[in-house]
Protein backbone atom coordinates (compact mmCIF):
# COMPACT_ATOMS: atom_id res chain seq x y z
CA MET A 1 -75.65 -25.14 18.79
CA LEU A 2 -76.93 -28.49 17.90
CA ALA A 3 -73.66 -29.11 16.27
CA ALA A 4 -71.67 -28.72 19.50
CA ILE A 5 -74.17 -30.64 21.55
CA ASP A 6 -73.96 -33.59 19.00
CA GLN A 7 -70.05 -33.15 18.92
CA PHE A 8 -70.60 -33.42 22.90
CA ILE A 9 -72.87 -36.47 22.66
CA ARG A 10 -70.21 -38.45 19.98
CA GLY A 11 -66.89 -37.64 22.62
CA THR A 12 -69.04 -38.19 25.24
CA MET A 13 -70.05 -42.03 23.66
CA ALA A 14 -66.56 -42.52 22.45
CA VAL A 15 -65.47 -41.68 26.36
CA MET A 16 -68.09 -44.58 27.52
CA TYR A 17 -66.71 -47.32 25.21
CA GLN A 18 -63.40 -46.71 26.23
CA VAL A 19 -64.21 -46.67 30.04
CA ALA A 20 -66.38 -49.96 29.14
CA LEU A 21 -63.61 -51.75 27.46
CA LEU A 22 -61.15 -50.79 30.05
CA GLN A 23 -63.14 -52.57 32.68
CA LEU A 24 -63.23 -55.40 30.70
CA GLU A 25 -59.52 -55.55 30.60
CA VAL A 26 -59.16 -54.93 34.31
CA PHE A 27 -61.43 -57.68 35.02
CA SER A 28 -59.61 -60.47 32.47
CA PHE A 29 -56.66 -59.34 34.29
CA CYS A 30 -57.93 -59.88 37.79
CA LYS A 31 -59.18 -63.19 36.53
CA VAL A 32 -55.60 -64.31 35.09
CA ASN A 33 -53.87 -62.88 38.13
CA GLU A 34 -55.92 -65.01 40.83
CA VAL A 35 -55.36 -68.29 38.57
CA LEU A 36 -51.67 -67.51 38.50
CA SER A 37 -51.46 -66.54 42.41
CA LYS A 38 -53.42 -69.93 43.10
CA ARG A 39 -50.58 -71.76 41.08
CA ARG A 40 -47.42 -70.00 42.59
CA ARG A 41 -48.90 -71.16 45.75
CA ALA A 42 -49.46 -74.31 44.76
CA LYS A 43 -46.25 -74.66 43.80
CA LYS A 44 -44.60 -73.42 46.86
CA THR A 45 -46.61 -75.57 48.93
CA CYS A 46 -45.93 -78.78 47.09
CA VAL A 47 -41.81 -78.38 46.77
CA GLN A 48 -41.60 -77.62 50.42
CA PHE A 49 -43.72 -80.54 51.32
CA LYS A 50 -41.89 -82.94 48.89
CA ARG A 51 -38.40 -81.58 50.04
CA SER A 52 -39.39 -82.18 53.74
CA PHE A 53 -39.86 -86.26 52.86
CA ILE A 54 -36.78 -85.97 50.82
CA ILE A 55 -34.71 -84.64 53.79
CA LEU A 56 -36.34 -86.53 56.39
CA ASP A 57 -35.61 -89.80 54.20
CA THR A 58 -32.25 -89.20 53.91
CA MET A 59 -31.85 -88.37 57.50
CA GLY A 60 -33.37 -92.16 57.99
CA LEU A 61 -30.89 -93.63 55.80
CA LEU A 62 -28.00 -91.61 57.59
CA GLY A 63 -29.08 -93.01 60.49
CA GLN A 64 -29.81 -96.35 59.39
CA SER A 65 -26.15 -96.48 58.01
CA VAL A 66 -25.22 -95.28 61.25
CA VAL A 67 -26.69 -97.64 63.19
CA GLY A 68 -25.85 -100.17 61.34
CA GLY A 69 -22.04 -99.62 61.01
CA GLU A 70 -22.03 -99.20 64.76
CA GLY A 71 -23.48 -102.89 65.34
CA VAL A 72 -20.72 -104.21 62.86
């Protein structure tokens, strides 16, 4: 009877350790995922911001050349 209880306790302790390790792993994955998602969002907004300036600059240059061409 005592051997069965000891075996049950050892099995329960092993499961508790595995659960603790898995919780730690999930926590670390959540932190990494949060950092990566912030980076992805930052890159998208930065690229779109730069792209809009490039388009506006190009349109401005084209507008100047057309205006300069009409005046000549």
